[in-house]
PDB file of N, CA and C in Angstrom:
ATOM      1  N   MET A   1      15.198  19.749  27.665  1.00  0.00           N
ATOM      2  CA  MET A   1      14.640  18.835  26.694  1.00  0.00           C
ATOM      3  C   MET A   1      13.222  18.470  27.107  1.00  0.00           C
ATOM      4  N   ALA A   2      12.305  18.535  26.179  1.00  0.00           N
ATOM      5  CA  ALA A   2      10.911  18.186  26.443  1.00  0.00           C
ATOM      6  C   ALA A   2      10.675  16.719  26.108  1.00  0.00           C
ATOM      7  N   VAL A   3       9.832  16.088  26.904  1.00  0.00           N
ATOM      8  CA  VAL A   3       9.414  14.719  26.625  1.00  0.00           C
ATOM      9  C   VAL A   3       7.971  14.777  26.160  1.00  0.00           C
ATOM     10  N   LEU A   4       7.714  14.217  24.985  1.00  0.00           N
ATOM     11  CA  LEU A   4       6.379  14.259  24.410  1.00  0.00           C
ATOM     12  C   LEU A   4       5.801  12.852  24.321  1.00  0.00           C
ATOM     13  N   LYS A   5       4.484  12.775  24.360  1.00  0.00           N
ATOM     14  CA  LYS A   5       3.787  11.504  24.230  1.00  0.00           C
ATOM     15  C   LYS A   5       2.696  11.670  23.178  1.00  0.00           C
ATOM     16  N   VAL A   6       2.406  10.592  22.461  1.00  0.00           N
ATOM     17  CA  VAL A   6       1.366  10.613  21.436  1.00  0.00           C
ATOM     18  C   VAL A   6       0.300   9.586  21.804  1.00  0.00           C
ATOM     19  N   ILE A   7      -0.963  10.027  21.765  1.00  0.00           N
ATOM     20  CA  ILE A   7      -2.084   9.115  21.981  1.00  0.00           C
ATOM     21  C   ILE A   7      -2.967   9.139  20.746  1.00  0.00           C
ATOM     22  N   GLU A   8      -3.677   8.063  20.520  1.00  0.00           N
ATOM     23  CA  GLU A   8      -4.560   7.968  19.375  1.00  0.00           C
ATOM     24  C   GLU A   8      -6.003   7.982  19.867  1.00  0.00           C
ATOM     25  N   ILE A   9      -6.832   8.814  19.238  1.00  0.00           N
ATOM     26  CA  ILE A   9      -8.228   8.970  19.644  1.00  0.00           C
ATOM     27  C   ILE A   9      -9.120   8.928  18.416  1.00  0.00           C
ATOM     28  N   MET A  10     -10.267   8.312  18.571  1.00  0.00           N
ATOM     29  CA  MET A  10     -11.284   8.318  17.525  1.00  0.00           C
ATOM     30  C   MET A  10     -12.430   9.192  18.008  1.00  0.00           C
ATOM     31  N   ALA A  11     -12.967  10.023  17.106  1.00  0.00           N
ATOM     32  CA  ALA A  11     -14.086  10.903  17.463  1.00  0.00           C
ATOM     33  C   ALA A  11     -15.016  11.028  16.266  1.00  0.00           C
ATOM     34  N   SER A  12     -16.238  11.472  16.546  1.00  0.00           N
ATOM     35  CA  SER A  12     -17.204  11.638  15.462  1.00  0.00           C
ATOM     36  C   SER A  12     -18.052  12.880  15.688  1.00  0.00           C
ATOM     37  N   SER A  13     -18.666  13.345  14.584  1.00  0.00           N
ATOM     38  CA  SER A  13     -19.510  14.533  14.624  1.00  0.00           C
ATOM     39  C   SER A  13     -20.565  14.415  13.537  1.00  0.00           C
ATOM     40  N   ALA A  14     -21.702  15.012  13.773  1.00  0.00           N
ATOM     41  CA  ALA A  14     -22.747  15.065  12.750  1.00  0.00           C
ATOM     42  C   ALA A  14     -22.516  16.224  11.781  1.00  0.00           C
ATOM     43  N   LYS A  15     -21.589  17.155  12.119  1.00  0.00           N
ATOM     44  CA  LYS A  15     -21.374  18.361  11.314  1.00  0.00           C
ATOM     45  C   LYS A  15     -20.301  18.212  10.243  1.00  0.00           C
ATOM     46  N   SER A  16     -19.064  17.837  10.674  1.00  0.00           N
ATOM     47  CA  SER A  16     -17.940  17.813   9.737  1.00  0.00           C
ATOM     48  C   SER A  16     -16.753  17.077  10.342  1.00  0.00           C
ATOM     49  N   TRP A  17     -15.737  16.801   9.470  1.00  0.00           N
ATOM     50  CA  TRP A  17     -14.519  16.189   9.967  1.00  0.00           C
ATOM     51  C   TRP A  17     -13.766  17.167  10.869  1.00  0.00           C
ATOM     52  N   GLU A  18     -13.800  18.446  10.543  1.00  0.00           N
ATOM     53  CA  GLU A  18     -13.139  19.450  11.372  1.00  0.00           C
ATOM     54  C   GLU A  18     -13.755  19.485  12.767  1.00  0.00           C
ATOM     55  N   ASP A  19     -15.065  19.393  12.834  1.00  0.00           N
ATOM     56  CA  ASP A  19     -15.748  19.376  14.124  1.00  0.00           C
ATOM     57  C   ASP A  19     -15.387  18.118  14.905  1.00  0.00           C
ATOM     58  N   ALA A  20     -15.281  16.998  14.222  1.00  0.00           N
ATOM     59  CA  ALA A  20     -14.893  15.750  14.882  1.00  0.00           C
ATOM     60  C   ALA A  20     -13.481  15.867  15.465  1.00  0.00           C
ATOM     61  N   ALA A  21     -12.561  16.489  14.729  1.00  0.00           N
ATOM     62  CA  ALA A  21     -11.197  16.694  15.229  1.00  0.00           C
ATOM     63  C   ALA A  21     -11.203  17.622  16.441  1.00  0.00           C
ATOM     64  N   SER A  22     -12.018  18.668  16.395  1.00  0.00           N
ATOM     65  CA  SER A  22     -12.136  19.587  17.536  1.00  0.00           C
ATOM     66  C   SER A  22     -12.686  18.871  18.760  1.00  0.00           C
ATOM     67  N   ILE A  23     -13.657  17.999  18.547  1.00  0.00           N
ATOM     68  CA  ILE A  23     -14.223  17.217  19.655  1.00  0.00           C
ATOM     69  C   ILE A  23     -13.158  16.309  20.265  1.00  0.00           C
ATOM     70  N   ALA A  24     -12.323  15.702  19.430  1.00  0.00           N
ATOM     71  CA  ALA A  24     -11.254  14.839  19.930  1.00  0.00           C
ATOM     72  C   ALA A  24     -10.288  15.622  20.816  1.00  0.00           C
ATOM     73  N   VAL A  25      -9.882  16.807  20.363  1.00  0.00           N
ATOM     74  CA  VAL A  25      -8.952  17.632  21.141  1.00  0.00           C
ATOM     75  C   VAL A  25      -9.615  18.112  22.437  1.00  0.00           C
ATOM     76  N   LYS A  26     -10.848  18.551  22.349  1.00  0.00           N
ATOM     77  CA  LYS A  26     -11.563  19.036  23.532  1.00  0.00           C
ATOM     78  C   LYS A  26     -11.733  17.921  24.564  1.00  0.00           C
ATOM     79  N   THR A  27     -12.084  16.736  24.091  1.00  0.00           N
ATOM     80  CA  THR A  27     -12.264  15.605  25.001  1.00  0.00           C
ATOM     81  C   THR A  27     -10.944  15.196  25.644  1.00  0.00           C
ATOM     82  N   ALA A  28      -9.880  15.121  24.859  1.00  0.00           N
ATOM     83  CA  ALA A  28      -8.563  14.772  25.401  1.00  0.00           C
ATOM     84  C   ALA A  28      -8.100  15.817  26.401  1.00  0.00           C
ATOM     85  N   GLY A  29      -8.401  17.082  26.132  1.00  0.00           N
ATOM     86  CA  GLY A  29      -7.989  18.180  27.003  1.00  0.00           C
ATOM     87  C   GLY A  29      -8.596  18.135  28.393  1.00  0.00           C
ATOM     88  N   LYS A  30      -9.642  17.362  28.577  1.00  0.00           N
ATOM     89  CA  LYS A  30     -10.248  17.219  29.909  1.00  0.00           C
ATOM     90  C   LYS A  30      -9.334  16.472  30.866  1.00  0.00           C
ATOM     91  N   THR A  31      -8.500  15.567  30.336  1.00  0.00           N
ATOM     92  CA  THR A  31      -7.608  14.787  31.199  1.00  0.00           C
ATOM     93  C   THR A  31      -6.138  14.935  30.854  1.00  0.00           C
ATOM     94  N   VAL A  32      -5.830  15.458  29.674  1.00  0.00           N
ATOM     95  CA  VAL A  32      -4.443  15.604  29.224  1.00  0.00           C
ATOM     96  C   VAL A  32      -4.101  17.085  29.170  1.00  0.00           C
ATOM     97  N   LYS A  33      -3.008  17.454  29.796  1.00  0.00           N
ATOM     98  CA  LYS A  33      -2.548  18.846  29.778  1.00  0.00           C
ATOM     99  C   LYS A  33      -1.357  18.986  28.829  1.00  0.00           C
ATOM    100  N   GLY A  34      -1.154  20.167  28.314  1.00  0.00           N
ATOM    101  CA  GLY A  34       0.005  20.449  27.474  1.00  0.00           C
ATOM    102  C   GLY A  34      -0.094  19.906  26.066  1.00  0.00           C
ATOM    103  N   ILE A  35      -1.305  19.867  25.498  1.00  0.00           N
ATOM    104  CA  ILE A  35      -1.464  19.389  24.122  1.00  0.00           C
ATOM    105  C   ILE A  35      -0.751  20.353  23.179  1.00  0.00           C
ATOM    106  N   ARG A  36       0.062  19.788  22.305  1.00  0.00           N
ATOM    107  CA  ARG A  36       0.843  20.610  21.370  1.00  0.00           C
ATOM    108  C   ARG A  36       0.336  20.536  19.944  1.00  0.00           C
ATOM    109  N   SER A  37      -0.145  19.366  19.534  1.00  0.00           N
ATOM    110  CA  SER A  37      -0.584  19.241  18.140  1.00  0.00           C
ATOM    111  C   SER A  37      -1.568  18.089  17.987  1.00  0.00           C
ATOM    112  N   VAL A  38      -2.277  18.140  16.866  1.00  0.00           N
ATOM    113  CA  VAL A  38      -3.185  17.054  16.494  1.00  0.00           C
ATOM    114  C   VAL A  38      -2.922  16.728  15.031  1.00  0.00           C
ATOM    115  N   TYR A  39      -2.813  15.444  14.737  1.00  0.00           N
ATOM    116  CA  TYR A  39      -2.583  14.963  13.380  1.00  0.00           C
ATOM    117  C   TYR A  39      -3.780  14.094  12.986  1.00  0.00           C
ATOM    118  N   VAL A  40      -4.498  14.499  11.963  1.00  0.00           N
ATOM    119  CA  VAL A  40      -5.637  13.715  11.493  1.00  0.00           C
ATOM    120  C   VAL A  40      -5.084  12.594  10.627  1.00  0.00           C
ATOM    121  N   GLN A  41      -5.134  11.396  11.156  1.00  0.00           N
ATOM    122  CA  GLN A  41      -4.551  10.242  10.487  1.00  0.00           C
ATOM    123  C   GLN A  41      -5.502   9.641   9.459  1.00  0.00           C
ATOM    124  N   ASP A  42      -6.792   9.602   9.779  1.00  0.00           N
ATOM    125  CA  ASP A  42      -7.745   8.927   8.913  1.00  0.00           C
ATOM    126  C   ASP A  42      -9.110   9.579   9.045  1.00  0.00           C
ATOM    127  N   THR A  43      -9.863   9.596   7.965  1.00  0.00           N
ATOM    128  CA  THR A  43     -11.230  10.107   8.000  1.00  0.00           C
ATOM    129  C   THR A  43     -12.156   9.077   7.370  1.00  0.00           C
ATOM    130  N   SER A  44     -13.381   9.046   7.852  1.00  0.00           N
ATOM    131  CA  SER A  44     -14.402   8.178   7.268  1.00  0.00           C
ATOM    132  C   SER A  44     -15.764   8.782   7.580  1.00  0.00           C
ATOM    133  N   ALA A  45     -16.789   8.208   6.988  1.00  0.00           N
ATOM    134  CA  ALA A  45     -18.140   8.723   7.211  1.00  0.00           C
ATOM    135  C   ALA A  45     -19.139   7.580   7.157  1.00  0.00           C
ATOM    136  N   VAL A  46     -20.253   7.789   7.856  1.00  0.00           N
ATOM    137  CA  VAL A  46     -21.374   6.849   7.827  1.00  0.00           C
ATOM    138  C   VAL A  46     -22.415   7.421   6.875  1.00  0.00           C
ATOM    139  N   VAL A  47     -22.906   6.590   5.963  1.00  0.00           N
ATOM    140  CA  VAL A  47     -23.891   7.035   4.983  1.00  0.00           C
ATOM    141  C   VAL A  47     -25.197   6.279   5.192  1.00  0.00           C
ATOM    142  N   LYS A  48     -26.280   7.018   5.263  1.00  0.00           N
ATOM    143  CA  LYS A  48     -27.624   6.434   5.349  1.00  0.00           C
ATOM    144  C   LYS A  48     -28.529   7.170   4.377  1.00  0.00           C
ATOM    145  N   ASN A  49     -29.260   6.426   3.566  1.00  0.00           N
ATOM    146  CA  ASN A  49     -30.165   7.020   2.569  1.00  0.00           C
ATOM    147  C   ASN A  49     -29.445   8.022   1.667  1.00  0.00           C
ATOM    148  N   ASN A  50     -28.249   7.655   1.244  1.00  0.00           N
ATOM    149  CA  ASN A  50     -27.436   8.483   0.343  1.00  0.00           C
ATOM    150  C   ASN A  50     -27.026   9.828   0.938  1.00  0.00           C
ATOM    151  N   LYS A  51     -26.997   9.939   2.256  1.00  0.00           N
ATOM    152  CA  LYS A  51     -26.544  11.166   2.930  1.00  0.00           C
ATOM    153  C   LYS A  51     -25.544  10.797   4.019  1.00  0.00           C
ATOM    154  N   ILE A  52     -24.552  11.657   4.178  1.00  0.00           N
ATOM    155  CA  ILE A  52     -23.589  11.451   5.262  1.00  0.00           C
ATOM    156  C   ILE A  52     -24.269  11.841   6.568  1.00  0.00           C
ATOM    157  N   THR A  53     -24.286  10.897   7.496  1.00  0.00           N
ATOM    158  CA  THR A  53     -24.940  11.149   8.782  1.00  0.00           C
ATOM    159  C   THR A  53     -23.944  11.315   9.928  1.00  0.00           C
ATOM    160  N   GLU A  54     -22.714  10.863   9.706  1.00  0.00           N
ATOM    161  CA  GLU A  54     -21.711  10.962  10.765  1.00  0.00           C
ATOM    162  C   GLU A  54     -20.320  11.040  10.145  1.00  0.00           C
ATOM    163  N   PHE A  55     -19.536  12.020  10.579  1.00  0.00           N
ATOM    164  CA  PHE A  55     -18.154  12.194  10.145  1.00  0.00           C
ATOM    165  C   PHE A  55     -17.251  11.640  11.245  1.00  0.00           C
ATOM    166  N   ARG A  56     -16.288  10.811  10.864  1.00  0.00           N
ATOM    167  CA  ARG A  56     -15.400  10.189  11.853  1.00  0.00           C
ATOM    168  C   ARG A  56     -13.943  10.514  11.537  1.00  0.00           C
ATOM    169  N   VAL A  57     -13.162  10.710  12.591  1.00  0.00           N
ATOM    170  CA  VAL A  57     -11.721  10.927  12.441  1.00  0.00           C
ATOM    171  C   VAL A  57     -10.958  10.051  13.419  1.00  0.00           C
ATOM    172  N   ASN A  58      -9.788   9.669  12.990  1.00  0.00           N
ATOM    173  CA  ASN A  58      -8.842   8.989  13.846  1.00  0.00           C
ATOM    174  C   ASN A  58      -7.649   9.938  13.932  1.00  0.00           C
ATOM    175  N   VAL A  59      -7.371  10.468  15.129  1.00  0.00           N
ATOM    176  CA  VAL A  59      -6.326  11.480  15.272  1.00  0.00           C
ATOM    177  C   VAL A  59      -5.242  11.020  16.231  1.00  0.00           C
ATOM    178  N   LYS A  60      -4.060  11.593  16.044  1.00  0.00           N
ATOM    179  CA  LYS A  60      -2.961  11.413  16.981  1.00  0.00           C
ATOM    180  C   LYS A  60      -2.735  12.761  17.659  1.00  0.00           C
ATOM    181  N   ILE A  61      -2.774  12.760  18.969  1.00  0.00           N
ATOM    182  CA  ILE A  61      -2.613  13.976  19.750  1.00  0.00           C
ATOM    183  C   ILE A  61      -1.283  13.909  20.480  1.00  0.00           C
ATOM    184  N   THR A  62      -0.462  14.939  20.297  1.00  0.00           N
ATOM    185  CA  THR A  62       0.848  15.018  20.938  1.00  0.00           C
ATOM    186  C   THR A  62       0.772  16.000  22.108  1.00  0.00           C
ATOM    187  N   PHE A  63       1.304  15.564  23.257  1.00  0.00           N
ATOM    188  CA  PHE A  63       1.308  16.447  24.423  1.00  0.00           C
ATOM    189  C   PHE A  63       2.623  16.290  25.183  1.00  0.00           C
ATOM    190  N   GLU A  64       2.915  17.325  25.938  1.00  0.00           N
ATOM    191  CA  GLU A  64       4.170  17.372  26.695  1.00  0.00           C
ATOM    192  C   GLU A  64       3.993  16.671  28.034  1.00  0.00           C
ATOM    193  N   VAL A  65       4.934  15.751  28.339  1.00  0.00           N
ATOM    194  CA  VAL A  65       4.908  15.051  29.618  1.00  0.00           C
ATOM    195  C   VAL A  65       5.856  15.742  30.596  1.00  0.00           C
ATOM    196  N   LEU A  66       7.075  16.040  30.153  1.00  0.00           N
ATOM    197  CA  LEU A  66       8.072  16.713  30.984  1.00  0.00           C
ATOM    198  C   LEU A  66       8.745  17.801  30.183  1.00  0.00           C
ATOM    199  N   ASN A  67       9.162  18.844  30.877  1.00  0.00           N
ATOM    200  CA  ASN A  67       9.903  19.898  30.214  1.00  0.00           C
ATOM    201  C   ASN A  67      11.218  20.116  30.902  1.00  0.00           C
TER     202      ASN A  67
END
């Protein structure tokens, strides 16, 4: 039986929401091993001068603690 844990991370990118999600996984992967999935819970953006300047995501990352 595997034991899984879920953490919540917020990340942002100037490119896209997909890039922001990738940044969240990459950053979590520096200290968390055994990442199994990422769930994009929420998206938002910062707008300046009628242009999106920053894409933000709130993600839940699931990883294995014990197997």
